[in-house]
Amino acid sequence: MGQLAERLRERRAVVRRLRWRMVLAVVGSVLTVGVLGWVVLASPVLTVHPEDVQVSGTSSFVSEEEVLELAQVAHGEPLARVDTGALAEQITALTAVRDVQVRRAWPNGLTIAIEPRVPVAVVADGDRYAVLDADAVVVARRDEPVEGLAAVTVPLGEEAAADSLDAVLTVLAALPGELRTDVISAGAQTPYQVVLTLAGGAEVMWGSAAENDLKVEVLRTLLQVEAGRYDVSAPRSPITSG
């Protein structure tokens, strides 16, 4: 009987030790999770540092300074708690920004990748000039015409001119860089009568905004011969004159 009692006592002691180990393990896990949660969500160790906010994709119409100013709302905030979606909405409210991606860069940074709107033309808007992209979004307003952008003669605000304006902007957006910068003005009485004026004074009768890729290739070939007018409105039967 004595040996049996001793064994029972030893067994109960082992069970108690196991229970304590389980309790300590659970408590340790809870404390670990709590500490990690505090480090991630509240500790100054993982807060956003201004010098670790990186911006890419800016242009002459949306500056790094503008974007960084909006990102100041995140300075000193725990990185895990930064609302990247809300910050992205604020940045896309800038008229020169088409889209943006805001991502966390652990342990203390943000990466902000801008997709800027690409200006293709300027149009007179009162006593100033509106800079437009291919979607007719006003990217910026300037006191003077912008060098390298065609001046569009279709005025803003006229409902009947909207389709003509869309056609002109579509054509300008389709031009490769070296051709677009050679266009000093563009206009259209109708969406099917787009006319481009080149820096040397020659006119390009473009016609509608259809088959733009083909018209670009045809125009490149025609420009090898000096002329006053290049007609690519029917690109399979182009005409030069003057």
C-alpha atoms as a PDB file:
ATOM      1  CA  MET A   1       0.000   0.000   0.000  1.00  0.00           C
ATOM      2  CA  GLY A   2       2.823   2.401   0.788  1.00  0.00           C
ATOM      3  CA  GLN A   3       4.364   1.990  -2.643  1.00  0.00           C
ATOM      4  CA  LEU A   4       0.994   2.541  -4.336  1.00  0.00           C
ATOM      5  CA  ALA A   5       0.406   5.747  -2.383  1.00  0.00           C
ATOM      6  CA  GLU A   6       3.870   6.991  -3.299  1.00  0.00           C
ATOM      7  CA  ARG A   7       3.218   6.334  -6.968  1.00  0.00           C
ATOM      8  CA  LEU A   8      -0.095   8.177  -6.823  1.00  0.00           C
ATOM      9  CA  ARG A   9       1.582  11.177  -5.203  1.00  0.00           C
ATOM     10  CA  GLU A  10       4.270  11.203  -7.896  1.00  0.00           C
ATOM     11  CA  ARG A  11       1.664  10.968 -10.620  1.00  0.00           C
ATOM     12  CA  ARG A  12      -0.338  13.860  -9.165  1.00  0.00           C
ATOM     13  CA  ALA A  13       2.867  15.920  -8.969  1.00  0.00           C
ATOM     14  CA  VAL A  14       3.630  15.215 -12.619  1.00  0.00           C
ATOM     15  CA  VAL A  15       0.092  16.224 -13.615  1.00  0.00           C
ATOM     16  CA  ARG A  16       0.406  19.464 -11.628  1.00  0.00           C
ATOM     17  CA  ARG A  17       3.720  20.276 -13.313  1.00  0.00           C
ATOM     18  CA  LEU A  18       2.227  19.634 -16.742  1.00  0.00           C
ATOM     19  CA  ARG A  19      -0.727  21.866 -15.926  1.00  0.00           C
ATOM     20  CA  TRP A  20       1.573  24.673 -14.817  1.00  0.00           C
ATOM     21  CA  ARG A  21       3.647  24.300 -17.940  1.00  0.00           C
ATOM     22  CA  MET A  22       0.506  24.576 -20.060  1.00  0.00           C
ATOM     23  CA  VAL A  23      -0.631  27.642 -18.147  1.00  0.00           C
ATOM     24  CA  LEU A  24       2.777  29.267 -18.496  1.00  0.00           C
ATOM     25  CA  ALA A  25       2.867  28.431 -22.200  1.00  0.00           C
ATOM     26  CA  VAL A  26      -0.559  30.016 -22.749  1.00  0.00           C
ATOM     27  CA  VAL A  27       0.379  33.090 -20.728  1.00  0.00           C
ATOM     28  CA  GLY A  28       3.660  33.367 -22.619  1.00  0.00           C
ATOM     29  CA  SER A  29       1.877  33.128 -25.954  1.00  0.00           C
ATOM     30  CA  VAL A  30      -0.631  35.801 -24.956  1.00  0.00           C
ATOM     31  CA  LEU A  31       2.152  38.081 -23.760  1.00  0.00           C
ATOM     32  CA  THR A  32       4.135  37.489 -26.957  1.00  0.00           C
ATOM     33  CA  VAL A  33       1.137  38.295 -29.145  1.00  0.00           C
ATOM     34  CA  GLY A  34       0.409  41.358 -27.051  1.00  0.00           C
ATOM     35  CA  VAL A  35       3.962  42.635 -27.269  1.00  0.00           C
ATOM     36  CA  LEU A  36       4.120  42.001 -31.007  1.00  0.00           C
ATOM     37  CA  GLY A  37       0.775  43.727 -31.468  1.00  0.00           C
ATOM     38  CA  TRP A  38       1.992  46.721 -29.497  1.00  0.00           C
ATOM     39  CA  VAL A  39       5.226  46.877 -31.491  1.00  0.00           C
ATOM     40  CA  VAL A  40       3.372  46.762 -34.810  1.00  0.00           C
ATOM     41  CA  LEU A  41       0.371  48.943 -33.968  1.00  0.00           C
ATOM     42  CA  ALA A  42       1.564  51.382 -31.332  1.00  0.00           C
ATOM     43  CA  SER A  43       5.305  51.316 -30.836  1.00  0.00           C
ATOM     44  CA  PRO A  44       7.418  54.168 -32.248  1.00  0.00           C
ATOM     45  CA  VAL A  45       9.783  51.509 -33.594  1.00  0.00           C
ATOM     46  CA  LEU A  46       7.645  50.903 -36.719  1.00  0.00           C
ATOM     47  CA  THR A  47       6.329  54.394 -37.424  1.00  0.00           C
ATOM     48  CA  VAL A  48       6.596  56.174 -40.765  1.00  0.00           C
ATOM     49  CA  HIS A  49       9.781  58.210 -41.183  1.00  0.00           C
ATOM     50  CA  PRO A  50       9.554  61.146 -43.628  1.00  0.00           C
ATOM     51  CA  GLU A  51      12.918  60.276 -45.166  1.00  0.00           C
ATOM     52  CA  ASP A  52      11.663  56.757 -45.963  1.00  0.00           C
ATOM     53  CA  VAL A  53       8.702  57.913 -48.081  1.00  0.00           C
ATOM     54  CA  GLN A  54       9.691  57.351 -51.718  1.00  0.00           C
ATOM     55  CA  VAL A  55       7.826  58.857 -54.684  1.00  0.00           C
ATOM     56  CA  SER A  56       8.211  57.832 -58.333  1.00  0.00           C
ATOM     57  CA  GLY A  57       6.510  58.785 -61.596  1.00  0.00           C
ATOM     58  CA  THR A  58       6.238  62.536 -61.073  1.00  0.00           C
ATOM     59  CA  SER A  59       6.136  64.945 -64.017  1.00  0.00           C
ATOM     60  CA  SER A  60       6.374  68.644 -64.759  1.00  0.00           C
ATOM     61  CA  PHE A  61       2.696  68.903 -63.816  1.00  0.00           C
ATOM     62  CA  VAL A  62       2.759  66.894 -60.576  1.00  0.00           C
ATOM     63  CA  SER A  63       5.799  67.398 -58.382  1.00  0.00           C
ATOM     64  CA  GLU A  64       7.353  65.183 -55.746  1.00  0.00           C
ATOM     65  CA  GLU A  65       6.858  68.025 -53.262  1.00  0.00           C
ATOM     66  CA  GLU A  66       3.079  68.033 -53.828  1.00  0.00           C
ATOM     67  CA  VAL A  67       2.844  64.308 -53.194  1.00  0.00           C
ATOM     68  CA  LEU A  68       5.106  64.385 -50.139  1.00  0.00           C
ATOM     69  CA  GLU A  69       3.014  67.183 -48.665  1.00  0.00           C
ATOM     70  CA  LEU A  70      -0.078  64.976 -48.854  1.00  0.00           C
ATOM     71  CA  ALA A  71       1.881  62.068 -47.373  1.00  0.00           C
ATOM     72  CA  GLN A  72       2.669  64.120 -44.272  1.00  0.00           C
ATOM     73  CA  VAL A  73      -0.549  62.802 -42.690  1.00  0.00           C
ATOM     74  CA  ALA A  74       1.266  59.467 -42.258  1.00  0.00           C
ATOM     75  CA  HIS A  75       4.395  60.858 -40.609  1.00  0.00           C
ATOM     76  CA  GLY A  76       4.869  59.364 -37.146  1.00  0.00           C
ATOM     77  CA  GLU A  77       1.953  56.955 -37.590  1.00  0.00           C
ATOM     78  CA  PRO A  78       2.514  53.230 -36.986  1.00  0.00           C
ATOM     79  CA  LEU A  79       3.060  51.848 -40.466  1.00  0.00           C
ATOM     80  CA  ALA A  80       0.480  49.090 -40.000  1.00  0.00           C
ATOM     81  CA  ARG A  81      -2.202  51.668 -39.217  1.00  0.00           C
ATOM     82  CA  VAL A  82      -1.591  53.940 -42.210  1.00  0.00           C
ATOM     83  CA  ASP A  83      -4.686  54.024 -44.429  1.00  0.00           C
ATOM     84  CA  THR A  84      -2.989  53.592 -47.788  1.00  0.00           C
ATOM     85  CA  GLY A  85      -6.322  53.666 -49.619  1.00  0.00           C
ATOM     86  CA  ALA A  86      -7.293  57.036 -48.168  1.00  0.00           C
ATOM     87  CA  LEU A  87      -3.853  58.447 -48.983  1.00  0.00           C
ATOM     88  CA  ALA A  88      -4.151  57.162 -52.555  1.00  0.00           C
ATOM     89  CA  GLU A  89      -7.528  58.904 -52.906  1.00  0.00           C
ATOM     90  CA  GLN A  90      -6.013  62.184 -51.767  1.00  0.00           C
ATOM     91  CA  ILE A  91      -3.195  61.889 -54.280  1.00  0.00           C
ATOM     92  CA  THR A  92      -5.463  60.987 -57.211  1.00  0.00           C
ATOM     93  CA  ALA A  93      -7.443  64.132 -56.432  1.00  0.00           C
ATOM     94  CA  LEU A  94      -4.492  65.996 -57.968  1.00  0.00           C
ATOM     95  CA  THR A  95      -5.663  66.710 -61.511  1.00  0.00           C
ATOM     96  CA  ALA A  96      -2.348  65.693 -63.067  1.00  0.00           C
ATOM     97  CA  VAL A  97      -2.492  62.190 -61.537  1.00  0.00           C
ATOM     98  CA  ARG A  98      -4.240  59.421 -63.458  1.00  0.00           C
ATOM     99  CA  ASP A  99      -3.573  56.662 -60.913  1.00  0.00           C
ATOM    100  CA  VAL A 100      -1.371  55.890 -57.922  1.00  0.00           C
ATOM    101  CA  GLN A 101      -0.227  52.885 -55.921  1.00  0.00           C
ATOM    102  CA  VAL A 102       0.637  53.407 -52.237  1.00  0.00           C
ATOM    103  CA  ARG A 103       2.401  50.513 -50.504  1.00  0.00           C
ATOM    104  CA  ARG A 104       3.995  49.966 -47.112  1.00  0.00           C
ATOM    105  CA  ALA A 105       7.778  49.567 -47.130  1.00  0.00           C
ATOM    106  CA  TRP A 106       8.753  47.982 -43.823  1.00  0.00           C
ATOM    107  CA  PRO A 107       9.941  48.926 -41.347  1.00  0.00           C
ATOM    108  CA  ASN A 108       9.421  52.686 -41.655  1.00  0.00           C
ATOM    109  CA  GLY A 109       8.531  53.689 -45.198  1.00  0.00           C
ATOM    110  CA  LEU A 110       5.965  54.102 -47.927  1.00  0.00           C
ATOM    111  CA  THR A 111       6.397  53.770 -51.685  1.00  0.00           C
ATOM    112  CA  ILE A 112       4.156  55.979 -53.788  1.00  0.00           C
ATOM    113  CA  ALA A 113       4.121  55.160 -57.516  1.00  0.00           C
ATOM    114  CA  ILE A 114       2.448  57.845 -59.617  1.00  0.00           C
ATOM    115  CA  GLU A 115       0.924  57.301 -63.058  1.00  0.00           C
ATOM    116  CA  PRO A 116       0.726  60.880 -64.338  1.00  0.00           C
ATOM    117  CA  ARG A 117      -1.661  62.128 -66.961  1.00  0.00           C
ATOM    118  CA  VAL A 118       0.158  62.749 -70.236  1.00  0.00           C
ATOM    119  CA  PRO A 119      -0.597  66.208 -71.655  1.00  0.00           C
ATOM    120  CA  VAL A 120      -1.121  66.290 -75.421  1.00  0.00           C
ATOM    121  CA  ALA A 121      -2.436  69.792 -76.112  1.00  0.00           C
ATOM    122  CA  VAL A 122      -3.247  73.240 -74.802  1.00  0.00           C
ATOM    123  CA  VAL A 123      -6.433  75.168 -75.487  1.00  0.00           C
ATOM    124  CA  ALA A 124      -7.316  78.782 -74.820  1.00  0.00           C
ATOM    125  CA  ASP A 125      -9.512  79.081 -71.738  1.00  0.00           C
ATOM    126  CA  GLY A 126     -10.361  82.713 -71.136  1.00  0.00           C
ATOM    127  CA  ASP A 127      -7.116  84.613 -70.673  1.00  0.00           C
ATOM    128  CA  ARG A 128      -5.224  81.440 -69.735  1.00  0.00           C
ATOM    129  CA  TYR A 129      -4.404  78.095 -71.325  1.00  0.00           C
ATOM    130  CA  ALA A 130      -5.760  74.730 -70.243  1.00  0.00           C
ATOM    131  CA  VAL A 131      -3.384  71.786 -70.588  1.00  0.00           C
ATOM    132  CA  LEU A 132      -5.336  68.696 -71.669  1.00  0.00           C
ATOM    133  CA  ASP A 133      -4.634  64.984 -71.779  1.00  0.00           C
ATOM    134  CA  ALA A 134      -6.113  62.560 -74.298  1.00  0.00           C
ATOM    135  CA  ASP A 135      -9.315  62.267 -72.228  1.00  0.00           C
ATOM    136  CA  ALA A 136      -9.851  66.061 -72.270  1.00  0.00           C
ATOM    137  CA  VAL A 137      -9.040  66.230 -68.559  1.00  0.00           C
ATOM    138  CA  VAL A 138      -7.535  69.585 -67.605  1.00  0.00           C
ATOM    139  CA  VAL A 139      -4.125  68.617 -66.246  1.00  0.00           C
ATOM    140  CA  ALA A 140      -3.134  72.184 -65.401  1.00  0.00           C
ATOM    141  CA  ARG A 141      -3.696  75.811 -66.332  1.00  0.00           C
ATOM    142  CA  ARG A 142      -0.933  78.103 -67.465  1.00  0.00           C
ATOM    143  CA  ASP A 143      -0.611  81.789 -68.271  1.00  0.00           C
ATOM    144  CA  GLU A 144       1.299  80.996 -71.468  1.00  0.00           C
ATOM    145  CA  PRO A 145       1.179  78.194 -74.059  1.00  0.00           C
ATOM    146  CA  VAL A 146       3.308  75.187 -73.125  1.00  0.00           C
ATOM    147  CA  GLU A 147       6.275  74.518 -75.377  1.00  0.00           C
ATOM    148  CA  GLY A 148       6.036  71.195 -77.164  1.00  0.00           C
ATOM    149  CA  LEU A 149       2.232  70.947 -76.913  1.00  0.00           C
ATOM    150  CA  ALA A 150      -0.057  71.704 -79.838  1.00  0.00           C
ATOM    151  CA  ALA A 151      -2.498  74.581 -79.476  1.00  0.00           C
ATOM    152  CA  VAL A 152      -6.014  73.288 -80.143  1.00  0.00           C
ATOM    153  CA  THR A 153      -8.414  75.691 -81.825  1.00  0.00           C
ATOM    154  CA  VAL A 154     -11.588  73.968 -80.646  1.00  0.00           C
ATOM    155  CA  PRO A 155     -12.714  76.099 -77.653  1.00  0.00           C
ATOM    156  CA  LEU A 156     -13.694  74.617 -74.326  1.00  0.00           C
ATOM    157  CA  GLY A 157     -17.278  74.717 -73.164  1.00  0.00           C
ATOM    158  CA  GLU A 158     -19.068  74.443 -76.511  1.00  0.00           C
ATOM    159  CA  GLU A 159     -21.182  71.300 -76.488  1.00  0.00           C
ATOM    160  CA  ALA A 160     -21.167  71.027 -80.293  1.00  0.00           C
ATOM    161  CA  ALA A 161     -17.367  71.079 -80.274  1.00  0.00           C
ATOM    162  CA  ALA A 162     -16.953  68.258 -77.747  1.00  0.00           C
ATOM    163  CA  ASP A 163     -16.759  65.492 -80.347  1.00  0.00           C
ATOM    164  CA  SER A 164     -14.327  67.516 -82.442  1.00  0.00           C
ATOM    165  CA  LEU A 165     -12.150  68.130 -79.397  1.00  0.00           C
ATOM    166  CA  ASP A 166     -12.164  64.422 -78.545  1.00  0.00           C
ATOM    167  CA  ALA A 167     -11.105  63.596 -82.099  1.00  0.00           C
ATOM    168  CA  VAL A 168      -8.225  66.086 -82.037  1.00  0.00           C
ATOM    169  CA  LEU A 169      -6.959  64.843 -78.676  1.00  0.00           C
ATOM    170  CA  THR A 170      -7.209  61.216 -79.779  1.00  0.00           C
ATOM    171  CA  VAL A 171      -5.115  61.988 -82.857  1.00  0.00           C
ATOM    172  CA  LEU A 172      -2.495  63.908 -80.870  1.00  0.00           C
ATOM    173  CA  ALA A 173      -2.243  61.110 -78.307  1.00  0.00           C
ATOM    174  CA  ALA A 174      -1.675  58.613 -81.128  1.00  0.00           C
ATOM    175  CA  LEU A 175       1.307  60.524 -82.507  1.00  0.00           C
ATOM    176  CA  PRO A 176       4.757  59.305 -81.470  1.00  0.00           C
ATOM    177  CA  GLY A 177       6.817  61.805 -79.515  1.00  0.00           C
ATOM    178  CA  GLU A 178       8.923  63.139 -82.392  1.00  0.00           C
ATOM    179  CA  LEU A 179       5.828  63.890 -84.490  1.00  0.00           C
ATOM    180  CA  ARG A 180       3.733  65.277 -81.645  1.00  0.00           C
ATOM    181  CA  THR A 181       6.333  67.848 -80.661  1.00  0.00           C
ATOM    182  CA  ASP A 182       6.496  69.009 -84.302  1.00  0.00           C
ATOM    183  CA  VAL A 183       2.776  69.877 -84.250  1.00  0.00           C
ATOM    184  CA  ILE A 184       2.267  73.508 -83.256  1.00  0.00           C
ATOM    185  CA  SER A 185      -1.517  73.604 -83.629  1.00  0.00           C
ATOM    186  CA  ALA A 186      -4.446  71.307 -84.277  1.00  0.00           C
ATOM    187  CA  GLY A 187      -8.123  71.820 -84.917  1.00  0.00           C
ATOM    188  CA  ALA A 188     -11.278  70.319 -86.356  1.00  0.00           C
ATOM    189  CA  GLN A 189     -14.514  71.776 -87.673  1.00  0.00           C
ATOM    190  CA  THR A 190     -16.047  68.312 -87.277  1.00  0.00           C
ATOM    191  CA  PRO A 191     -14.729  65.051 -85.777  1.00  0.00           C
ATOM    192  CA  TYR A 192     -13.934  63.951 -89.339  1.00  0.00           C
ATOM    193  CA  GLN A 193     -11.832  66.977 -90.305  1.00  0.00           C
ATOM    194  CA  VAL A 194      -8.829  67.010 -87.989  1.00  0.00           C
ATOM    195  CA  VAL A 195      -6.074  69.282 -89.316  1.00  0.00           C
ATOM    196  CA  LEU A 196      -2.552  69.514 -87.895  1.00  0.00           C
ATOM    197  CA  THR A 197      -0.117  72.364 -88.510  1.00  0.00           C
ATOM    198  CA  LEU A 198       3.570  71.486 -88.331  1.00  0.00           C
ATOM    199  CA  ALA A 199       6.376  73.697 -87.078  1.00  0.00           C
ATOM    200  CA  GLY A 200       7.549  74.404 -90.628  1.00  0.00           C
ATOM    201  CA  GLY A 201       4.107  75.644 -91.634  1.00  0.00           C
ATOM    202  CA  ALA A 202       2.934  72.568 -93.526  1.00  0.00           C
ATOM    203  CA  GLU A 203      -0.583  71.270 -92.913  1.00  0.00           C
ATOM    204  CA  VAL A 204      -1.587  67.674 -92.373  1.00  0.00           C
ATOM    205  CA  MET A 205      -5.140  66.796 -93.364  1.00  0.00           C
ATOM    206  CA  TRP A 206      -5.739  63.953 -90.949  1.00  0.00           C
ATOM    207  CA  GLY A 207      -9.444  63.408 -91.343  1.00  0.00           C
ATOM    208  CA  SER A 208     -11.106  61.329 -88.616  1.00  0.00           C
ATOM    209  CA  ALA A 209      -9.444  59.715 -85.626  1.00  0.00           C
ATOM    210  CA  ALA A 210      -9.668  56.283 -87.273  1.00  0.00           C
ATOM    211  CA  GLU A 211      -6.684  54.206 -88.463  1.00  0.00           C
ATOM    212  CA  ASN A 212      -4.263  56.430 -86.588  1.00  0.00           C
ATOM    213  CA  ASP A 213      -1.405  53.923 -86.560  1.00  0.00           C
ATOM    214  CA  LEU A 214      -1.566  53.537 -90.341  1.00  0.00           C
ATOM    215  CA  LYS A 215      -1.777  57.300 -90.840  1.00  0.00           C
ATOM    216  CA  VAL A 216       1.316  57.804 -88.686  1.00  0.00           C
ATOM    217  CA  GLU A 217       3.342  55.412 -90.852  1.00  0.00           C
ATOM    218  CA  VAL A 218       2.067  57.003 -94.060  1.00  0.00           C
ATOM    219  CA  LEU A 219       2.847  60.505 -92.790  1.00  0.00           C
ATOM    220  CA  ARG A 220       6.373  59.487 -91.843  1.00  0.00           C
ATOM    221  CA  THR A 221       6.919  58.372 -95.426  1.00  0.00           C
ATOM    222  CA  LEU A 222       5.350  61.502 -96.913  1.00  0.00           C
ATOM    223  CA  LEU A 223       7.451  63.816 -94.745  1.00  0.00           C
ATOM    224  CA  GLN A 224      10.536  62.612 -96.586  1.00  0.00           C
ATOM    225  CA  VAL A 225       9.356  64.851 -99.429  1.00  0.00           C
ATOM    226  CA  GLU A 226       8.959  68.558 -98.673  1.00  0.00           C
ATOM    227  CA  ALA A 227       5.436  69.818 -99.298  1.00  0.00           C
ATOM    228  CA  GLY A 228       2.985  72.395 -98.029  1.00  0.00           C
ATOM    229  CA  ARG A 229       0.148  69.942 -97.450  1.00  0.00           C
ATOM    230  CA  TYR A 230       0.027  66.265 -96.578  1.00  0.00           C
ATOM    231  CA  ASP A 231      -3.326  64.528 -96.839  1.00  0.00           C
ATOM    232  CA  VAL A 232      -3.535  61.214 -94.978  1.00  0.00           C
ATOM    233  CA  SER A 233      -7.302  61.285 -94.419  1.00  0.00           C
ATOM    234  CA  ALA A 234      -7.482  58.309 -96.802  1.00  0.00           C
ATOM    235  CA  PRO A 235      -4.212  56.638 -95.762  1.00  0.00           C
ATOM    236  CA  ARG A 236      -4.244  54.099 -98.581  1.00  0.00           C
ATOM    237  CA  SER A 237      -4.416  56.943-101.109  1.00  0.00           C
ATOM    238  CA  PRO A 238      -2.368  59.769 -99.569  1.00  0.00           C
ATOM    239  CA  ILE A 239      -1.807  63.075-101.337  1.00  0.00           C
ATOM    240  CA  THR A 240       0.891  65.740-101.107  1.00  0.00           C
ATOM    241  CA  SER A 241       0.652  69.217-102.590  1.00  0.00           C
ATOM    242  CA  GLY A 242       2.100  72.702-102.359  1.00  0.00           C
END
